[in-house]
Amino acid sequence: MTSFHNITELLKTLDREKKLLTEVFEKRRIPFKWEFALLLVDEKEERLTFLLNHGIMTRNGPFVELDDQYLQFFETILEVNEEINLSYINENIQQVKQNIIYYLQENDADRQYAYLKIIKGTLRKIDRIAYRNMVDLHRNIENTFKTEPTYTIKIAKLENFDAKRQDITVLLDQAELVVTTEEQAFFTSAYDEELKQIVISLRHRINYLRHNSIELQKQVIDYLNQVKYQSRVMEKLKQVKYLKDQFELKNKTNFIEVLSNNKAVVFEVNPSYPLRLSLDVLRSDDTIEIKQRIAKRIKTGVKLTLPIAATIDAEYLNNQTEQEIFINLEEVKNSFTAAANNLFNFIMQYNFQRPVDFQERVTIYCQVVSIYQNELNITDYYQQQQQVEFALVYPK
């Protein structure tokens, strides 16, 4: 197998074959034929051969698939991995312990810093991997309960996931012991603000995952009880079906007696509660369409017609004119511009075409100030009249 010379060559290859790699990854659960792969590389077999030679893809007879390392990389980055790999957490815990030993035994400051950097990165990795595994575990439990058709396999998978949950909890306890008790000498001597924040974040994450583990345990127990109950029900139904097919159900069981003594609501006749409309509603015009549909359904032959409206009284047909005098605010503003008084006093003394009381004049004052504020000089001085405080406004 040929290796890539540099990362640039690898990225160019992935970009060139992104269409093929996307299709193969999305269909990773089903066999992907060699002929379909050729269509996605413009039927250039040398491009497929290049991917095989460089270990990006593998061929299995008439089918092709992504190499395990690339498949795992894509699933991890895209967070769609279904495998719960606990060895990663354990390996990183051991790596932290080893590098702490190297740090404490090293005298050179630069090499000590290099070990400290590795420890920080590994602690972050433990945080991330533990969280990712718990999320994957929760998703797998949900998918197994909802999609696995075989009861025995469903129970086995759920029990296996619960065992992995317990293993994750044990590893979390080990990780917490490393940062709190076992390696306390290192965390005291290698005091670093960044390291302190990483340890605090890891401990918060461990505490959060512990609570999630308890909830997952309750969920698994509930799912197992449901599955086992459904399994027992299915077994009984299969037995009843077998006896029924053999025409031995009545002779070998008390099936009829049990059903006759069962007073469950499901065996009762569905009650009907007719809704009787009042005569006033039935006489109204709003129910004409409903009555027509009912008449068609019961086929009475009765034709329903809309009642003829009564003659309109001539009094309502007489023309009546109602006049209302509106106040022209533009005219009021123009008149105020030519005056020397402030706006409030001007409006209080203004001669409108109809009687206007004090409250309406205050409203007109507010309307003029609001509409024509850019054309007025609104001062910071105030006066009061009849318990109404107003600003002194003058024309510009």
Protein backbone atom coordinates (compact mmCIF):
# COMPACT_ATOMS: atom_id res chain seq x y z
CA MET A 1 0.00 0.00 0.00
CA THR A 2 1.32 3.42 -0.98
CA SER A 3 1.43 6.24 1.58
CA PHE A 4 0.70 9.91 0.96
CA HIS A 5 3.81 12.09 0.83
CA ASN A 6 2.24 15.04 2.65
CA ILE A 7 -1.07 16.31 3.96
CA THR A 8 -1.60 18.50 0.89
CA GLU A 9 -1.72 15.43 -1.36
CA LEU A 10 -4.17 13.74 1.01
CA LEU A 11 -6.51 16.75 1.14
CA LYS A 12 -6.45 17.13 -2.66
CA THR A 13 -7.38 13.45 -3.06
CA LEU A 14 -10.26 13.71 -0.58
CA ASP A 15 -11.52 16.85 -2.31
CA ARG A 16 -11.30 15.31 -5.80
CA GLU A 17 -13.22 12.18 -4.76
CA LYS A 18 -15.62 13.86 -2.33
CA LYS A 19 -18.69 12.80 -4.34
CA LEU A 20 -17.73 9.11 -4.19
CA LEU A 21 -16.62 9.25 -0.53
CA THR A 22 -19.87 10.98 0.46
CA GLU A 23 -22.01 8.32 -1.20
CA VAL A 24 -19.99 5.42 0.22
CA PHE A 25 -20.09 6.92 3.72
CA GLU A 26 -23.84 7.56 3.64
CA LYS A 27 -24.44 3.97 2.41
CA ARG A 28 -21.88 2.41 4.76
CA ARG A 29 -24.53 0.07 6.24
CA ILE A 30 -25.32 -1.54 2.87
CA PRO A 31 -23.04 -3.10 0.21
CA PHE A 32 -21.77 -0.58 -2.36
CA LYS A 33 -21.10 -2.10 -5.78
CA TRP A 34 -17.92 -1.49 -7.76
CA GLU A 35 -19.98 -0.46 -10.81
CA PHE A 36 -21.73 2.31 -8.88
CA ALA A 37 -18.37 3.57 -7.60
CA LEU A 38 -17.07 3.74 -11.19
CA LEU A 39 -20.00 5.95 -12.20
CA LEU A 40 -19.12 8.43 -9.44
CA VAL A 41 -15.50 8.76 -10.69
CA ASP A 42 -16.53 9.35 -14.31
CA GLU A 43 -15.83 5.65 -15.11
CA LYS A 44 -12.08 6.18 -14.63
CA GLU A 45 -10.88 2.98 -13.03
CA GLU A 46 -7.44 4.42 -12.30
CA ARG A 47 -8.99 6.84 -9.78
CA LEU A 48 -10.57 3.97 -7.89
CA THR A 49 -7.31 2.04 -8.05
CA PHE A 50 -5.50 5.07 -6.61
CA LEU A 51 -7.89 5.11 -3.62
CA LEU A 52 -7.38 1.38 -3.07
CA ASN A 53 -3.60 1.61 -3.31
CA HIS A 54 -3.46 4.48 -0.81
CA GLY A 55 -5.69 2.73 1.74
CA ILE A 56 -8.65 5.10 1.58
CA MET A 57 -10.97 2.37 0.32
CA THR A 58 -10.93 -1.42 0.26
CA ARG A 59 -12.46 -3.91 -2.17
CA ASN A 60 -14.35 -7.01 -1.15
CA GLY A 61 -15.27 -8.95 -4.28
CA PRO A 62 -17.81 -6.92 -6.28
CA PHE A 63 -18.18 -4.37 -3.45
CA VAL A 64 -16.11 -1.45 -2.17
CA GLU A 65 -16.11 0.23 1.24
CA LEU A 66 -14.22 2.86 3.21
CA ASP A 67 -11.13 1.72 5.06
CA ASP A 68 -11.74 1.34 8.80
CA GLN A 69 -9.44 4.18 9.85
CA TYR A 70 -11.13 6.67 7.49
CA LEU A 71 -14.59 5.39 8.39
CA GLN A 72 -13.83 5.79 12.09
CA PHE A 73 -12.39 9.25 11.48
CA PHE A 74 -15.49 10.46 9.60
CA GLU A 75 -17.87 8.97 12.17
CA THR A 76 -15.96 10.53 15.05
CA ILE A 77 -15.77 13.99 13.48
CA LEU A 78 -19.42 13.94 12.39
CA GLU A 79 -20.47 12.44 15.76
CA VAL A 80 -22.36 9.50 14.23
CA ASN A 81 -20.25 6.72 15.72
CA GLU A 82 -22.30 3.85 17.16
CA GLU A 83 -19.41 1.94 18.73
CA ILE A 84 -18.72 2.54 22.42
CA ASN A 85 -14.95 2.22 22.75
CA LEU A 86 -13.97 2.32 26.42
CA SER A 87 -10.33 1.53 25.75
CA TYR A 88 -9.75 5.13 24.64
CA ILE A 89 -10.60 6.47 28.09
CA ASN A 90 -8.46 3.87 29.87
CA GLU A 91 -5.51 4.45 27.53
CA ASN A 92 -5.66 8.20 28.10
CA ILE A 93 -5.82 7.76 31.88
CA GLN A 94 -2.71 5.58 31.74
CA GLN A 95 -1.02 8.13 29.47
CA VAL A 96 -1.70 10.90 32.00
CA LYS A 97 -0.17 8.81 34.80
CA GLN A 98 2.93 7.99 32.72
CA ASN A 99 3.57 11.59 31.72
CA ILE A 100 3.11 12.75 35.31
CA ILE A 101 5.90 10.32 36.31
CA TYR A 102 8.10 11.68 33.51
CA TYR A 103 7.36 15.25 34.58
CA LEU A 104 8.26 14.64 38.22
CA GLN A 105 11.50 12.86 37.29
CA GLU A 106 12.59 15.44 34.71
CA ASN A 107 14.83 18.32 35.79
CA ASP A 108 14.99 20.27 32.53
CA ALA A 109 12.29 22.99 32.45
CA ASP A 110 11.68 22.77 28.67
CA ARG A 111 11.15 19.02 28.70
CA GLN A 112 8.94 19.37 31.78
CA TYR A 113 6.79 21.85 29.87
CA ALA A 114 6.52 19.37 26.97
CA TYR A 115 5.23 16.67 29.35
CA LEU A 116 2.83 19.19 30.93
CA LYS A 117 1.46 20.06 27.49
CA ILE A 118 0.80 16.37 26.77
CA ILE A 119 -0.97 16.00 30.12
CA LYS A 120 -3.23 18.98 29.41
CA GLY A 121 -4.14 17.67 25.97
CA THR A 122 -4.85 14.18 27.32
CA LEU A 123 -7.12 15.50 30.08
CA ARG A 124 -9.09 17.46 27.48
CA LYS A 125 -9.31 14.29 25.40
CA ILE A 126 -10.65 12.31 28.38
CA ASP A 127 -13.33 14.99 28.87
CA ARG A 128 -14.34 14.91 25.22
CA ILE A 129 -14.25 11.11 24.75
CA ALA A 130 -16.22 10.40 27.95
CA TYR A 131 -18.95 12.83 26.94
CA ARG A 132 -19.05 11.47 23.38
CA ASN A 133 -19.31 7.86 24.62
CA MET A 134 -22.19 8.73 26.95
CA VAL A 135 -24.07 10.48 24.13
CA ASP A 136 -23.48 7.51 21.78
CA LEU A 137 -24.60 5.12 24.51
CA HIS A 138 -27.84 7.03 25.03
CA ARG A 139 -28.55 7.08 21.27
CA ASN A 140 -27.80 3.37 20.88
CA ILE A 141 -30.12 2.47 23.75
CA GLU A 142 -32.94 4.49 22.17
CA ASN A 143 -32.36 3.02 18.69
CA THR A 144 -32.17 -0.55 20.00
CA PHE A 145 -35.41 -0.27 21.93
CA LYS A 146 -37.28 1.33 19.02
CA THR A 147 -35.87 -0.54 16.01
CA GLU A 148 -34.59 -4.00 17.05
CA PRO A 149 -37.32 -6.50 16.00
CA THR A 150 -36.05 -9.61 17.83
CA TYR A 151 -36.88 -9.60 21.55
CA THR A 152 -34.01 -11.80 22.68
CA ILE A 153 -31.46 -9.71 20.76
CA LYS A 154 -33.04 -6.51 22.04
CA ILE A 155 -32.71 -7.69 25.66
CA ALA A 156 -29.11 -8.82 25.10
CA LYS A 157 -28.15 -5.48 23.53
CA LEU A 158 -29.76 -3.45 26.29
CA GLU A 159 -28.00 -5.50 28.97
CA ASN A 160 -24.70 -5.08 27.10
CA PHE A 161 -25.20 -1.31 26.92
CA ASP A 162 -25.94 -1.21 30.64
CA ALA A 163 -22.66 -3.08 31.30
CA LYS A 164 -20.81 -0.49 29.19
CA ARG A 165 -22.53 2.26 31.16
CA GLN A 166 -21.14 0.75 34.36
CA ASP A 167 -17.68 0.51 32.79
CA ILE A 168 -17.81 4.19 31.80
CA THR A 169 -18.77 5.10 35.37
CA VAL A 170 -15.79 3.13 36.73
CA LEU A 171 -13.41 4.86 34.31
CA LEU A 172 -14.84 8.26 35.29
CA ASP A 173 -14.13 7.43 38.94
CA GLN A 174 -10.55 6.50 38.01
CA ALA A 175 -10.10 9.75 36.10
CA GLU A 176 -11.37 11.75 39.07
CA LEU A 177 -9.01 9.92 41.44
CA VAL A 178 -6.07 10.85 39.20
CA VAL A 179 -6.81 14.58 39.32
CA THR A 180 -7.85 14.71 42.99
CA THR A 181 -6.02 12.08 45.07
CA GLU A 182 -3.50 9.81 43.35
CA GLU A 183 -1.47 12.53 41.64
CA GLN A 184 -2.05 15.35 44.09
CA ALA A 185 1.71 15.97 44.38
CA PHE A 186 1.95 16.72 40.66
CA PHE A 187 -1.05 19.06 40.54
CA THR A 188 0.35 20.92 43.55
CA SER A 189 3.89 21.31 42.20
CA ALA A 190 2.92 21.98 38.57
CA TYR A 191 0.50 24.77 39.41
CA ASP A 192 -0.70 26.30 36.18
CA GLU A 193 -3.83 28.41 35.59
CA GLU A 194 -4.67 26.60 32.36
CA LEU A 195 -4.18 23.20 34.02
CA LYS A 196 -6.38 24.32 36.90
CA GLN A 197 -9.20 25.27 34.52
CA ILE A 198 -8.86 21.96 32.66
CA VAL A 199 -9.12 19.99 35.92
CA ILE A 200 -12.17 22.01 37.06
CA SER A 201 -13.86 21.48 33.70
CA LEU A 202 -13.10 17.73 33.80
CA ARG A 203 -14.51 17.36 37.32
CA HIS A 204 -17.68 19.22 36.32
CA ARG A 205 -18.01 16.98 33.28
CA ILE A 206 -17.51 13.83 35.40
CA ASN A 207 -20.20 14.97 37.84
CA TYR A 208 -22.57 15.72 34.96
CA LEU A 209 -21.94 12.31 33.35
CA ARG A 210 -22.55 10.54 36.66
CA HIS A 211 -26.04 12.02 36.81
CA ASN A 212 -26.61 11.01 33.19
CA SER A 213 -25.45 7.49 34.03
CA ILE A 214 -28.09 7.23 36.76
CA GLU A 215 -30.79 8.37 34.34
CA LEU A 216 -29.57 5.91 31.72
CA GLN A 217 -29.72 3.10 34.26
CA LYS A 218 -33.34 3.93 35.04
CA GLN A 219 -34.12 4.09 31.33
CA VAL A 220 -32.50 0.73 30.58
CA ILE A 221 -34.38 -0.91 33.47
CA ASP A 222 -37.65 0.55 32.20
CA TYR A 223 -36.94 -0.59 28.63
CA LEU A 224 -36.01 -4.10 29.78
CA ASN A 225 -39.23 -4.39 31.78
CA GLN A 226 -41.25 -3.25 28.77
CA VAL A 227 -39.47 -5.65 26.41
CA LYS A 228 -39.86 -8.61 28.76
CA TYR A 229 -43.53 -7.82 29.28
CA GLN A 230 -44.09 -7.55 25.52
CA SER A 231 -42.17 -10.78 25.04
CA ARG A 232 -44.44 -12.62 27.51
CA VAL A 233 -47.52 -11.19 25.82
CA MET A 234 -46.27 -12.27 22.39
CA GLU A 235 -45.57 -15.80 23.64
CA LYS A 236 -49.08 -16.08 25.02
CA LEU A 237 -50.56 -14.74 21.78
CA LYS A 238 -48.56 -17.28 19.78
CA GLN A 239 -49.91 -20.08 21.98
CA VAL A 240 -53.47 -18.82 21.59
CA LYS A 241 -52.98 -18.51 17.82
CA TYR A 242 -51.63 -22.06 17.63
CA LEU A 243 -54.58 -23.49 19.55
CA LYS A 244 -57.00 -21.49 17.43
CA ASP A 245 -55.44 -22.77 14.19
CA GLN A 246 -55.73 -26.33 15.53
CA PHE A 247 -59.39 -25.74 16.47
CA GLU A 248 -58.56 -26.70 20.05
CA LEU A 249 -58.94 -23.32 21.72
CA LYS A 250 -62.38 -24.00 23.20
CA ASN A 251 -61.59 -27.54 24.31
CA LYS A 252 -58.17 -27.03 25.88
CA THR A 253 -58.63 -23.61 27.45
CA ASN A 254 -61.26 -21.60 29.34
CA PHE A 255 -60.88 -18.82 26.78
CA ILE A 256 -64.63 -18.19 26.38
CA GLU A 257 -65.21 -18.13 30.14
CA VAL A 258 -62.40 -15.64 30.71
CA LEU A 259 -63.73 -13.32 28.03
CA SER A 260 -67.30 -13.53 29.31
CA ASN A 261 -66.17 -12.57 32.83
CA ASN A 262 -64.00 -9.73 31.59
CA LYS A 263 -65.67 -6.39 32.13
CA ALA A 264 -62.97 -4.26 30.53
CA VAL A 265 -64.13 -1.13 28.74
CA VAL A 266 -62.57 -2.32 25.48
CA PHE A 267 -65.20 -5.07 25.26
CA GLU A 268 -68.11 -2.70 25.87
CA VAL A 269 -70.20 -1.21 23.08
CA ASN A 270 -69.13 2.30 22.23
CA PRO A 271 -71.80 4.65 23.65
CA SER A 272 -73.21 7.38 21.47
CA TYR A 273 -74.20 10.77 22.81
CA PRO A 274 -76.44 12.53 20.27
CA LEU A 275 -76.24 16.31 20.26
CA ARG A 276 -79.70 17.84 20.01
CA LEU A 277 -79.73 21.36 18.67
CA SER A 278 -82.24 23.88 19.93
CA LEU A 279 -85.12 24.99 17.71
CA ASP A 280 -83.73 28.51 17.55
CA VAL A 281 -80.45 27.20 16.09
CA LEU A 282 -82.26 24.97 13.61
CA ARG A 283 -84.37 27.90 12.43
CA SER A 284 -81.38 30.15 11.84
CA ASP A 285 -79.89 30.69 8.40
CA ASP A 286 -76.44 29.50 9.58
CA THR A 287 -77.56 25.87 9.62
CA ILE A 288 -78.97 25.76 6.06
CA GLU A 289 -75.88 24.00 4.66
CA ILE A 290 -75.80 21.46 7.52
CA LYS A 291 -79.51 20.66 7.06
CA GLN A 292 -78.98 20.20 3.32
CA ARG A 293 -76.16 17.68 3.90
CA ILE A 294 -78.30 15.77 6.41
CA ALA A 295 -81.22 15.73 4.00
CA LYS A 296 -79.03 14.26 1.23
CA ARG A 297 -77.72 11.56 3.57
CA ILE A 298 -81.10 10.40 4.90
CA LYS A 299 -82.81 11.04 1.52
CA THR A 300 -86.06 12.45 2.89
CA GLY A 301 -86.83 14.28 -0.33
CA VAL A 302 -87.62 17.48 1.53
CA LYS A 303 -86.25 20.51 -0.27
CA LEU A 304 -85.01 23.21 2.01
CA THR A 305 -85.23 26.76 0.75
CA LEU A 306 -84.03 29.98 2.23
CA PRO A 307 -86.81 32.05 3.75
CA ILE A 308 -87.74 35.26 1.95
CA ALA A 309 -86.73 38.35 3.85
CA ALA A 310 -89.38 40.81 4.92
CA THR A 311 -89.90 44.13 3.10
CA ILE A 312 -87.49 46.85 4.18
CA ASP A 313 -89.21 49.71 5.93
CA ALA A 314 -89.22 52.89 3.85
CA GLU A 315 -87.97 54.84 6.84
CA TYR A 316 -84.58 53.10 6.54
CA LEU A 317 -84.30 54.08 2.87
CA ASN A 318 -84.51 57.84 3.51
CA ASN A 319 -81.26 59.71 2.92
CA GLN A 320 -79.80 61.06 6.14
CA THR A 321 -76.77 63.31 6.23
CA GLU A 322 -74.56 63.51 9.29
CA GLN A 323 -71.96 66.24 9.47
CA GLU A 324 -68.91 66.33 11.68
CA ILE A 325 -66.40 69.14 11.91
CA PHE A 326 -62.76 67.97 12.00
CA ILE A 327 -59.95 70.06 13.44
CA ASN A 328 -57.19 70.81 10.94
CA LEU A 329 -53.91 70.48 12.90
CA GLU A 330 -51.90 71.89 9.99
CA GLU A 331 -54.00 75.07 10.09
CA VAL A 332 -53.55 75.32 13.87
CA LYS A 333 -49.77 74.98 13.51
CA ASN A 334 -49.60 77.62 10.77
CA SER A 335 -51.62 80.05 12.86
CA PHE A 336 -49.38 79.40 15.86
CA THR A 337 -46.23 80.09 13.80
CA ALA A 338 -47.43 83.63 13.21
CA ALA A 339 -48.22 84.19 16.90
CA ALA A 340 -45.85 85.20 19.71
CA ASN A 341 -47.50 83.22 22.52
CA ASN A 342 -46.47 79.74 23.69
CA LEU A 343 -48.30 76.81 22.08
CA PHE A 344 -50.34 75.75 25.11
CA ASN A 345 -51.80 79.19 25.78
CA PHE A 346 -52.34 79.69 22.06
CA ILE A 347 -54.43 76.51 21.78
CA MET A 348 -56.37 77.39 24.95
CA GLN A 349 -57.36 80.73 23.35
CA TYR A 350 -57.77 79.44 19.78
CA ASN A 351 -61.22 79.91 18.23
CA PHE A 352 -62.18 76.55 16.76
CA GLN A 353 -65.17 76.05 14.45
CA ARG A 354 -66.94 74.00 17.10
CA PRO A 355 -66.93 73.91 20.90
CA VAL A 356 -63.78 72.28 22.29
CA ASP A 357 -63.38 71.56 26.01
CA PHE A 358 -60.16 71.76 28.02
CA GLN A 359 -59.28 68.06 27.79
CA GLU A 360 -59.61 68.03 23.99
CA ARG A 361 -57.47 71.20 23.74
CA VAL A 362 -54.76 69.42 25.79
CA THR A 363 -54.99 66.50 23.33
CA ILE A 364 -54.61 68.91 20.38
CA TYR A 365 -51.54 70.41 22.06
CA CYS A 366 -49.94 66.95 22.38
CA GLN A 367 -50.79 66.09 18.76
CA VAL A 368 -49.24 69.27 17.38
CA VAL A 369 -46.06 68.80 19.43
CA SER A 370 -45.78 65.15 18.34
CA ILE A 371 -46.39 65.74 14.63
CA TYR A 372 -44.51 69.02 14.12
CA GLN A 373 -41.74 68.70 16.73
CA ASN A 374 -39.02 69.44 14.12
CA GLU A 375 -40.70 72.77 13.30
CA LEU A 376 -41.11 73.86 16.93
CA ASN A 377 -38.80 75.06 19.65
CA ILE A 378 -39.53 72.82 22.65
CA THR A 379 -37.89 74.31 25.74
CA ASP A 380 -36.97 72.75 29.08
CA TYR A 381 -39.28 75.10 30.99
CA TYR A 382 -42.62 73.89 32.30
CA GLN A 383 -45.84 75.43 33.58
CA GLN A 384 -48.99 74.00 35.11
CA GLN A 385 -52.67 74.68 34.50
CA GLN A 386 -55.60 72.76 35.98
CA GLN A 387 -53.24 70.01 37.24
CA VAL A 388 -51.76 69.60 33.75
CA GLU A 389 -48.01 70.23 33.49
CA PHE A 390 -46.82 71.24 30.00
CA ALA A 391 -43.60 72.32 28.32
CA LEU A 392 -43.28 75.80 26.90
CA VAL A 393 -43.20 75.50 23.12
CA TYR A 394 -42.46 78.39 20.76
CA PRO A 395 -42.21 78.67 16.99
CA LYS A 396 -38.71 78.45 15.47
